[in-house]
Amino acid sequence: MAQTVDAGGTHLLDPVDRISEILFGLIMAVTIVGSLSIATAQKAEVRTVLYAALGCNIAWGLVDALMYLVRTATERSRLRALGLRIRESDPNGGQALIARALPDHLEPFVGASELEAMRAHVLASPPEIGGILGGRDFVEAFAIFGWVVIATFPVVLPFMFVDDLPVAFHWSRIVTVVMLAIVGVALGRYASHPRPLVTGVCAAVGGVLLIAAVKALGG
């Protein structure tokens, strides 16, 4: 049971985690950039807003990475303690502990034989010792930070290469919608949706509405 957190996968982060971090960073950046006034903005103001977008995503990335480490350490510690309690319990008690720890959607598929097999696996596995967090956890936290920061650049690049501010805004919005669609397609494929292009369109429309809501609420 204590081994269930660290599956030893070959990829850093779950696909949903990677896509979510890109989406969060993208929405954060485009919301800040959208605070510019096309009619009155000067080059100095544009530069300030671009720095603000980057700084905000750096801060958000740091917080998100830290919370990932906190969440991982908490869950891993909880499972270690659960494994110890299972070892100290009788068969019925151990099965009951495992049953309560399983997600609700697995309840119809797990009977006494499956619970006993899991309990036997816990008993046969050596208790985990040492630190709660390993090197891979910190690498994954850094990856989370990186995804959030990287998501800033596609939104701000048009302002770096296009002098005409309205044109830069136009291209920034196009890039944002395209990225939202790509994120939606990726989520659709991961979820085995029969038509991932539909999820891409929904993500683009939903993202635009979400950005508008954030701006309307003063975000």
C-alpha atoms as a PDB file:
ATOM      1  CA  MET A   1       0.000   0.000   0.000  1.00  0.00           C
ATOM      2  CA  ALA A   2       2.814   2.393   0.828  1.00  0.00           C
ATOM      3  CA  GLN A   3       4.249   1.870  -2.624  1.00  0.00           C
ATOM      4  CA  THR A   4       1.190   3.088  -4.492  1.00  0.00           C
ATOM      5  CA  VAL A   5       2.253   6.739  -4.614  1.00  0.00           C
ATOM      6  CA  ASP A   6       5.508   6.193  -6.440  1.00  0.00           C
ATOM      7  CA  ALA A   7       4.663   4.150  -9.492  1.00  0.00           C
ATOM      8  CA  GLY A   8       8.107   4.595 -10.967  1.00  0.00           C
ATOM      9  CA  GLY A   9       6.813   5.885 -14.302  1.00  0.00           C
ATOM     10  CA  THR A  10       9.179   6.918 -17.045  1.00  0.00           C
ATOM     11  CA  HIS A  11       7.588  10.321 -17.646  1.00  0.00           C
ATOM     12  CA  LEU A  12       7.778  13.349 -15.408  1.00  0.00           C
ATOM     13  CA  LEU A  13       4.324  14.304 -14.181  1.00  0.00           C
ATOM     14  CA  ASP A  14       0.941  12.968 -15.106  1.00  0.00           C
ATOM     15  CA  PRO A  15      -0.286  14.210 -18.528  1.00  0.00           C
ATOM     16  CA  VAL A  16      -3.179  16.010 -16.856  1.00  0.00           C
ATOM     17  CA  ASP A  17      -0.702  17.737 -14.509  1.00  0.00           C
ATOM     18  CA  ARG A  18       1.429  18.904 -17.430  1.00  0.00           C
ATOM     19  CA  ILE A  19      -1.557  20.157 -19.410  1.00  0.00           C
ATOM     20  CA  SER A  20      -3.072  21.834 -16.356  1.00  0.00           C
ATOM     21  CA  GLU A  21       0.110  23.749 -15.582  1.00  0.00           C
ATOM     22  CA  ILE A  22       0.282  25.009 -19.171  1.00  0.00           C
ATOM     23  CA  LEU A  23      -3.360  26.063 -18.990  1.00  0.00           C
ATOM     24  CA  PHE A  24      -2.928  27.882 -15.661  1.00  0.00           C
ATOM     25  CA  GLY A  25       0.144  29.720 -16.876  1.00  0.00           C
ATOM     26  CA  LEU A  26      -1.488  30.631 -20.163  1.00  0.00           C
ATOM     27  CA  ILE A  27      -4.630  32.041 -18.551  1.00  0.00           C
ATOM     28  CA  MET A  28      -2.573  33.980 -16.005  1.00  0.00           C
ATOM     29  CA  ALA A  29      -0.378  35.539 -18.681  1.00  0.00           C
ATOM     30  CA  VAL A  30      -3.155  36.463 -21.090  1.00  0.00           C
ATOM     31  CA  THR A  31      -5.225  37.986 -18.262  1.00  0.00           C
ATOM     32  CA  ILE A  32      -2.373  40.305 -17.278  1.00  0.00           C
ATOM     33  CA  VAL A  33      -1.525  41.205 -20.864  1.00  0.00           C
ATOM     34  CA  GLY A  34      -5.216  41.885 -21.461  1.00  0.00           C
ATOM     35  CA  SER A  35      -5.111  44.634 -18.846  1.00  0.00           C
ATOM     36  CA  LEU A  36      -3.274  46.865 -21.329  1.00  0.00           C
ATOM     37  CA  SER A  37      -5.215  49.586 -23.059  1.00  0.00           C
ATOM     38  CA  ILE A  38      -4.592  49.454 -26.799  1.00  0.00           C
ATOM     39  CA  ALA A  39      -5.531  53.100 -27.200  1.00  0.00           C
ATOM     40  CA  THR A  40      -3.253  54.576 -24.540  1.00  0.00           C
ATOM     41  CA  ALA A  41      -0.457  52.079 -23.917  1.00  0.00           C
ATOM     42  CA  GLN A  42       3.111  53.285 -24.414  1.00  0.00           C
ATOM     43  CA  LYS A  43       6.183  51.141 -24.959  1.00  0.00           C
ATOM     44  CA  ALA A  44       7.238  51.553 -21.328  1.00  0.00           C
ATOM     45  CA  GLU A  45       3.821  50.428 -20.142  1.00  0.00           C
ATOM     46  CA  VAL A  46       3.866  47.419 -22.462  1.00  0.00           C
ATOM     47  CA  ARG A  47       7.284  46.440 -21.147  1.00  0.00           C
ATOM     48  CA  THR A  48       6.057  46.783 -17.551  1.00  0.00           C
ATOM     49  CA  VAL A  49       3.036  44.594 -18.200  1.00  0.00           C
ATOM     50  CA  LEU A  50       5.146  41.936 -19.925  1.00  0.00           C
ATOM     51  CA  TYR A  51       7.507  41.868 -16.950  1.00  0.00           C
ATOM     52  CA  ALA A  52       4.484  41.638 -14.667  1.00  0.00           C
ATOM     53  CA  ALA A  53       3.117  38.667 -16.616  1.00  0.00           C
ATOM     54  CA  LEU A  54       6.441  36.869 -16.404  1.00  0.00           C
ATOM     55  CA  GLY A  55       6.912  37.727 -12.736  1.00  0.00           C
ATOM     56  CA  CYS A  56       3.398  36.616 -11.864  1.00  0.00           C
ATOM     57  CA  ASN A  57       3.871  33.255 -13.571  1.00  0.00           C
ATOM     58  CA  ILE A  58       7.243  32.767 -11.888  1.00  0.00           C
ATOM     59  CA  ALA A  59       5.585  33.375  -8.515  1.00  0.00           C
ATOM     60  CA  TRP A  60       2.658  31.107  -9.406  1.00  0.00           C
ATOM     61  CA  GLY A  61       5.063  28.415 -10.606  1.00  0.00           C
ATOM     62  CA  LEU A  62       7.012  28.546  -7.336  1.00  0.00           C
ATOM     63  CA  VAL A  63       3.833  28.250  -5.261  1.00  0.00           C
ATOM     64  CA  ASP A  64       2.504  25.426  -7.428  1.00  0.00           C
ATOM     65  CA  ALA A  65       5.799  23.531  -7.232  1.00  0.00           C
ATOM     66  CA  LEU A  66       5.901  23.902  -3.441  1.00  0.00           C
ATOM     67  CA  MET A  67       2.308  22.704  -3.094  1.00  0.00           C
ATOM     68  CA  TYR A  68       3.141  19.701  -5.265  1.00  0.00           C
ATOM     69  CA  LEU A  69       5.903  18.735  -2.837  1.00  0.00           C
ATOM     70  CA  VAL A  70       3.600  19.274   0.157  1.00  0.00           C
ATOM     71  CA  ARG A  71       0.845  17.187  -1.440  1.00  0.00           C
ATOM     72  CA  THR A  72       3.258  14.393  -2.391  1.00  0.00           C
ATOM     73  CA  ALA A  73       4.870  14.276   1.049  1.00  0.00           C
ATOM     74  CA  THR A  74       1.489  14.297   2.808  1.00  0.00           C
ATOM     75  CA  GLU A  75       0.048  11.490   0.693  1.00  0.00           C
ATOM     76  CA  ARG A  76       3.178   9.373   0.901  1.00  0.00           C
ATOM     77  CA  SER A  77       3.367   9.782   4.670  1.00  0.00           C
ATOM     78  CA  ARG A  78      -0.313   8.861   4.969  1.00  0.00           C
ATOM     79  CA  LEU A  79       0.203   5.682   2.937  1.00  0.00           C
ATOM     80  CA  ARG A  80       3.257   4.699   4.962  1.00  0.00           C
ATOM     81  CA  ALA A  81       1.231   5.017   8.140  1.00  0.00           C
ATOM     82  CA  LEU A  82      -1.586   3.024   6.527  1.00  0.00           C
ATOM     83  CA  GLY A  83       0.838   0.259   5.589  1.00  0.00           C
ATOM     84  CA  LEU A  84       2.057   0.077   9.192  1.00  0.00           C
ATOM     85  CA  ARG A  85      -1.507  -0.147  10.501  1.00  0.00           C
ATOM     86  CA  ILE A  86      -2.300  -2.938   8.032  1.00  0.00           C
ATOM     87  CA  ARG A  87       0.735  -4.915   9.201  1.00  0.00           C
ATOM     88  CA  GLU A  88      -0.354  -4.548  12.807  1.00  0.00           C
ATOM     89  CA  SER A  89      -3.992  -5.551  12.156  1.00  0.00           C
ATOM     90  CA  ASP A  90      -5.631  -8.955  11.841  1.00  0.00           C
ATOM     91  CA  PRO A  91      -6.790 -10.058   8.351  1.00  0.00           C
ATOM     92  CA  ASN A  92     -10.292  -8.628   8.675  1.00  0.00           C
ATOM     93  CA  GLY A  93      -9.040  -5.360  10.102  1.00  0.00           C
ATOM     94  CA  GLY A  94      -6.386  -5.060   7.397  1.00  0.00           C
ATOM     95  CA  GLN A  95      -8.930  -5.635   4.655  1.00  0.00           C
ATOM     96  CA  ALA A  96     -11.217  -3.021   6.180  1.00  0.00           C
ATOM     97  CA  LEU A  97      -8.388  -0.467   6.250  1.00  0.00           C
ATOM     98  CA  ILE A  98      -7.606  -1.103   2.585  1.00  0.00           C
ATOM     99  CA  ALA A  99     -11.271  -0.921   1.606  1.00  0.00           C
ATOM    100  CA  ARG A 100     -11.655   2.483   3.277  1.00  0.00           C
ATOM    101  CA  ALA A 101      -8.533   3.783   1.557  1.00  0.00           C
ATOM    102  CA  LEU A 102      -9.641   2.825  -1.957  1.00  0.00           C
ATOM    103  CA  PRO A 103     -11.432   5.363  -4.188  1.00  0.00           C
ATOM    104  CA  ASP A 104     -15.203   5.037  -4.176  1.00  0.00           C
ATOM    105  CA  HIS A 105     -15.402   4.198  -7.882  1.00  0.00           C
ATOM    106  CA  LEU A 106     -13.385   1.004  -7.297  1.00  0.00           C
ATOM    107  CA  GLU A 107     -15.760  -0.359  -4.643  1.00  0.00           C
ATOM    108  CA  PRO A 108     -17.952  -2.368  -7.097  1.00  0.00           C
ATOM    109  CA  PHE A 109     -14.886  -4.135  -8.518  1.00  0.00           C
ATOM    110  CA  VAL A 110     -13.067  -5.056  -5.299  1.00  0.00           C
ATOM    111  CA  GLY A 111     -14.235  -7.988  -3.198  1.00  0.00           C
ATOM    112  CA  ALA A 112     -12.798  -9.912  -0.283  1.00  0.00           C
ATOM    113  CA  SER A 113     -10.367 -11.866  -2.448  1.00  0.00           C
ATOM    114  CA  GLU A 114      -8.931  -8.697  -4.006  1.00  0.00           C
ATOM    115  CA  LEU A 115      -8.639  -7.028  -0.613  1.00  0.00           C
ATOM    116  CA  GLU A 116      -6.836 -10.039   0.803  1.00  0.00           C
ATOM    117  CA  ALA A 117      -4.458 -10.068  -2.169  1.00  0.00           C
ATOM    118  CA  MET A 118      -3.630  -6.421  -1.524  1.00  0.00           C
ATOM    119  CA  ARG A 119      -3.171  -7.079   2.186  1.00  0.00           C
ATOM    120  CA  ALA A 120      -0.832  -9.982   1.393  1.00  0.00           C
ATOM    121  CA  HIS A 121       1.141  -7.717  -0.950  1.00  0.00           C
ATOM    122  CA  VAL A 122       1.557  -5.133   1.819  1.00  0.00           C
ATOM    123  CA  LEU A 123       2.728  -7.804   4.263  1.00  0.00           C
ATOM    124  CA  ALA A 124       5.198  -9.208   1.716  1.00  0.00           C
ATOM    125  CA  SER A 125       6.685  -5.792   0.930  1.00  0.00           C
ATOM    126  CA  PRO A 126       9.380  -4.367   3.205  1.00  0.00           C
ATOM    127  CA  PRO A 127       8.318  -1.214   5.070  1.00  0.00           C
ATOM    128  CA  GLU A 128       9.567   1.963   3.450  1.00  0.00           C
ATOM    129  CA  ILE A 129      12.210   3.830   5.401  1.00  0.00           C
ATOM    130  CA  GLY A 130      14.178   6.986   4.806  1.00  0.00           C
ATOM    131  CA  GLY A 131      13.074  10.358   3.559  1.00  0.00           C
ATOM    132  CA  ILE A 132       9.546  10.990   2.361  1.00  0.00           C
ATOM    133  CA  LEU A 133      10.678  12.952  -0.701  1.00  0.00           C
ATOM    134  CA  GLY A 134      13.235  11.789  -3.230  1.00  0.00           C
ATOM    135  CA  GLY A 135      15.213  13.434  -5.992  1.00  0.00           C
ATOM    136  CA  ARG A 136      12.564  12.681  -8.611  1.00  0.00           C
ATOM    137  CA  ASP A 137       9.968  14.588  -6.583  1.00  0.00           C
ATOM    138  CA  PHE A 138      12.078  17.747  -6.682  1.00  0.00           C
ATOM    139  CA  VAL A 139      12.701  17.301 -10.410  1.00  0.00           C
ATOM    140  CA  GLU A 140       8.947  17.024 -10.962  1.00  0.00           C
ATOM    141  CA  ALA A 141       8.365  20.138  -8.842  1.00  0.00           C
ATOM    142  CA  PHE A 142      10.876  21.997 -11.014  1.00  0.00           C
ATOM    143  CA  ALA A 143       9.073  20.694 -14.111  1.00  0.00           C
ATOM    144  CA  ILE A 144       5.816  22.149 -12.790  1.00  0.00           C
ATOM    145  CA  PHE A 145       7.548  25.494 -12.298  1.00  0.00           C
ATOM    146  CA  GLY A 146       8.952  25.297 -15.813  1.00  0.00           C
ATOM    147  CA  TRP A 147       5.606  24.530 -17.483  1.00  0.00           C
ATOM    148  CA  VAL A 148       3.939  27.519 -15.817  1.00  0.00           C
ATOM    149  CA  VAL A 149       6.733  29.905 -16.821  1.00  0.00           C
ATOM    150  CA  ILE A 150       7.037  28.563 -20.369  1.00  0.00           C
ATOM    151  CA  ALA A 151       3.313  29.122 -20.915  1.00  0.00           C
ATOM    152  CA  THR A 152       3.943  32.874 -20.542  1.00  0.00           C
ATOM    153  CA  PHE A 153       6.114  33.264 -23.619  1.00  0.00           C
ATOM    154  CA  PRO A 154       3.716  32.430 -26.485  1.00  0.00           C
ATOM    155  CA  VAL A 155       1.356  35.126 -25.178  1.00  0.00           C
ATOM    156  CA  VAL A 156       4.007  37.856 -24.885  1.00  0.00           C
ATOM    157  CA  LEU A 157       6.184  37.032 -27.927  1.00  0.00           C
ATOM    158  CA  PRO A 158       4.041  39.072 -30.369  1.00  0.00           C
ATOM    159  CA  PHE A 159       4.709  42.191 -28.279  1.00  0.00           C
ATOM    160  CA  MET A 160       8.451  41.560 -28.541  1.00  0.00           C
ATOM    161  CA  PHE A 161       8.517  41.262 -32.329  1.00  0.00           C
ATOM    162  CA  VAL A 162       5.633  43.462 -33.514  1.00  0.00           C
ATOM    163  CA  ASP A 163       5.847  47.225 -32.989  1.00  0.00           C
ATOM    164  CA  ASP A 164       2.224  47.910 -33.894  1.00  0.00           C
ATOM    165  CA  LEU A 165       0.395  47.371 -30.581  1.00  0.00           C
ATOM    166  CA  PRO A 166      -3.080  46.523 -32.009  1.00  0.00           C
ATOM    167  CA  VAL A 167      -1.490  43.990 -34.367  1.00  0.00           C
ATOM    168  CA  ALA A 168       0.503  42.489 -31.480  1.00  0.00           C
ATOM    169  CA  PHE A 169      -2.712  42.172 -29.461  1.00  0.00           C
ATOM    170  CA  HIS A 170      -4.383  40.471 -32.403  1.00  0.00           C
ATOM    171  CA  TRP A 171      -1.613  37.888 -32.764  1.00  0.00           C
ATOM    172  CA  SER A 172      -1.402  37.348 -29.010  1.00  0.00           C
ATOM    173  CA  ARG A 173      -5.096  36.486 -28.914  1.00  0.00           C
ATOM    174  CA  ILE A 174      -4.759  34.140 -31.883  1.00  0.00           C
ATOM    175  CA  VAL A 175      -1.848  32.361 -30.221  1.00  0.00           C
ATOM    176  CA  THR A 176      -3.839  32.074 -26.991  1.00  0.00           C
ATOM    177  CA  VAL A 177      -6.851  30.504 -28.687  1.00  0.00           C
ATOM    178  CA  VAL A 178      -4.640  28.098 -30.654  1.00  0.00           C
ATOM    179  CA  MET A 179      -2.838  27.015 -27.488  1.00  0.00           C
ATOM    180  CA  LEU A 180      -6.137  26.511 -25.669  1.00  0.00           C
ATOM    181  CA  ALA A 181      -7.316  24.319 -28.547  1.00  0.00           C
ATOM    182  CA  ILE A 182      -4.091  22.294 -28.454  1.00  0.00           C
ATOM    183  CA  VAL A 183      -4.493  21.797 -24.702  1.00  0.00           C
ATOM    184  CA  GLY A 184      -8.067  20.612 -25.249  1.00  0.00           C
ATOM    185  CA  VAL A 185      -7.039  18.160 -27.960  1.00  0.00           C
ATOM    186  CA  ALA A 186      -4.305  16.768 -25.707  1.00  0.00           C
ATOM    187  CA  LEU A 187      -6.791  16.288 -22.871  1.00  0.00           C
ATOM    188  CA  GLY A 188      -9.256  14.642 -25.245  1.00  0.00           C
ATOM    189  CA  ARG A 189      -6.648  12.187 -26.475  1.00  0.00           C
ATOM    190  CA  TYR A 190      -5.572  11.347 -22.951  1.00  0.00           C
ATOM    191  CA  ALA A 191      -9.191  10.740 -21.983  1.00  0.00           C
ATOM    192  CA  SER A 192      -9.673   8.577 -25.135  1.00  0.00           C
ATOM    193  CA  HIS A 193     -12.398  10.885 -26.389  1.00  0.00           C
ATOM    194  CA  PRO A 194     -13.669   9.687 -29.786  1.00  0.00           C
ATOM    195  CA  ARG A 195     -13.321  13.198 -31.236  1.00  0.00           C
ATOM    196  CA  PRO A 196     -10.470  15.104 -29.552  1.00  0.00           C
ATOM    197  CA  LEU A 197     -10.979  18.028 -31.926  1.00  0.00           C
ATOM    198  CA  VAL A 198     -14.310  18.625 -30.204  1.00  0.00           C
ATOM    199  CA  THR A 199     -12.597  18.838 -26.824  1.00  0.00           C
ATOM    200  CA  GLY A 200     -10.091  21.218 -28.403  1.00  0.00           C
ATOM    201  CA  VAL A 201     -12.840  23.563 -29.584  1.00  0.00           C
ATOM    202  CA  CYS A 202     -14.584  23.335 -26.207  1.00  0.00           C
ATOM    203  CA  ALA A 203     -11.314  24.135 -24.402  1.00  0.00           C
ATOM    204  CA  ALA A 204     -10.697  27.154 -26.631  1.00  0.00           C
ATOM    205  CA  VAL A 205     -14.227  28.514 -26.132  1.00  0.00           C
ATOM    206  CA  GLY A 206     -14.220  27.714 -22.409  1.00  0.00           C
ATOM    207  CA  GLY A 207     -10.787  29.264 -21.940  1.00  0.00           C
ATOM    208  CA  VAL A 208     -11.827  32.474 -23.673  1.00  0.00           C
ATOM    209  CA  LEU A 209     -14.936  32.695 -21.470  1.00  0.00           C
ATOM    210  CA  LEU A 210     -12.871  31.982 -18.361  1.00  0.00           C
ATOM    211  CA  ILE A 211     -10.358  34.676 -19.231  1.00  0.00           C
ATOM    212  CA  ALA A 212     -13.207  37.138 -19.826  1.00  0.00           C
ATOM    213  CA  ALA A 213     -14.717  36.214 -16.441  1.00  0.00           C
ATOM    214  CA  VAL A 214     -11.391  36.662 -14.663  1.00  0.00           C
ATOM    215  CA  LYS A 215     -10.896  40.075 -16.235  1.00  0.00           C
ATOM    216  CA  ALA A 216     -14.463  41.109 -15.417  1.00  0.00           C
ATOM    217  CA  LEU A 217     -13.895  40.181 -11.771  1.00  0.00           C
ATOM    218  CA  GLY A 218     -10.796  42.351 -11.642  1.00  0.00           C
ATOM    219  CA  GLY A 219      -8.250  39.536 -12.039  1.00  0.00           C
END
